[in-house]
Structure formats: structure tokens, C-alpha cells
Amino acid sequence: MTWSDIILLSVALAMDCFAVSIVCGVVLRRPQWALMLWIAWLFGLFQAVMPLLGWLLTRQWATYIEDYDHWLAFGLLAFLGGRMIADAFKPEEEAIVDPHRLATQLALAIATSIDALAVGISLACTGYDSLPSMTLPLTAIGIGSFTLSMTGFLLGIAFGGGIRRRLRPELLGGIILLFIGCRILITHLMSGS
């Protein structure tokens, strides 16, 4: 993956965090900096740890999947991207999220980062073969999720619930994941590997 792919990947993964943070911002109604920083940090941490877990699990079986790793990476990213695009057109849930509760914070951090586990598998399939090689993508993913989470909080506080319906962050994230998956597949097929 190129540097631009890593940045796009981090933005795509952060879209769920962004969307949830907007909802939390709407609920908070005013800046609560300590709480917002804490939740954004949790989101960034979980988004960075999940790909690492997926990568570690995949590294154990790397020799068995080398011949079709690009298809696996494409399939996972296409599935995740397609799911995010489909989610963008579902009606908003009516449940109110209470961002003050630790249980809610952890549940949101896990829920928004599950997709990142599959991205870790994709990274293992696209040449990230050592822990040091994972430093850049994991750092970019964590920082991207933290930054977009804080942005989501501030937008949710400033503009209320209407902003989420207008932006459809899941749609953008899904398109980015599909683009990266197609690029990985095409690059491998063109190079004959």
C-alpha cells in the first residue's frame, strides 16, 4: 500500500467513529472536553489495536494463503465497503446513546472497530510482514480515528442531528474501502503475482 492508500484507509475506518461521535455530540449539546478526548482516544486505540489483532492472527497462516492473498484482501475490503454503503441508506436508529457511561463508551469503541480486524487481515495479505512494518498504518489509523472523532463531536454539538443525515459518512467510508480493495486486486493481477 502507498502512503495515500494508508491515509485513505485510516479515513475510511474512522467514518464509523465520526458518525457515532456526531450522535454523541448531539446528545452532549455542549463541549465536555475531558469526556470527548477520552472517547476519541478510546476510538483511536481500538481502531489501531483491532487491525493488529487481525494481522497477528493472519501471520500464523500466511504461507497457506500467499497465492490468493490479494483476492482475500479484495473480498474483505469489498464486503466491508459494501456493508458501510448499505448502512448509509438505512434509517437512523431511535435509541439515545449515553456517552457518559463507561460501558457505553467501550461498547461503541468495540462496535466501531470490528471492521478494522478484517483490515488487519488485508494488511497481512498485502506485504506487511513484520511488526515494524505495521507501525505506520496502525499509527495513521489511530490518529485518523481520534481526529475524526473529535471533529464529529464538535459538529454534532454545533449543528445537531441534521448534519449526520446530510453527510452520510458511512457512504464515503464504504466507497474508500471499495476503491482500496479494487486497487489491491488490480495491482496484483497486473503484476502477475
Foldseek 3Di string as FASTA:
>chain_A
DDPVLLLLLLLLLLLLLLLVLLLQLLVVLDDPPVLLLVLLLLLLVLQLVLLVQLLVVLLVVCVVCQVPLLVLLLVLLLVLLVVLQVVLPDDDDPDRQDSVDPVSSNVSSCVSRNSSNSVSSSVNNQPQNDPVSSVVSSVSNSVSNSVSSSVSSVCSSVPNDVVCNVPSSSNSSSVSSNVSSVVSNVVCVVVVD
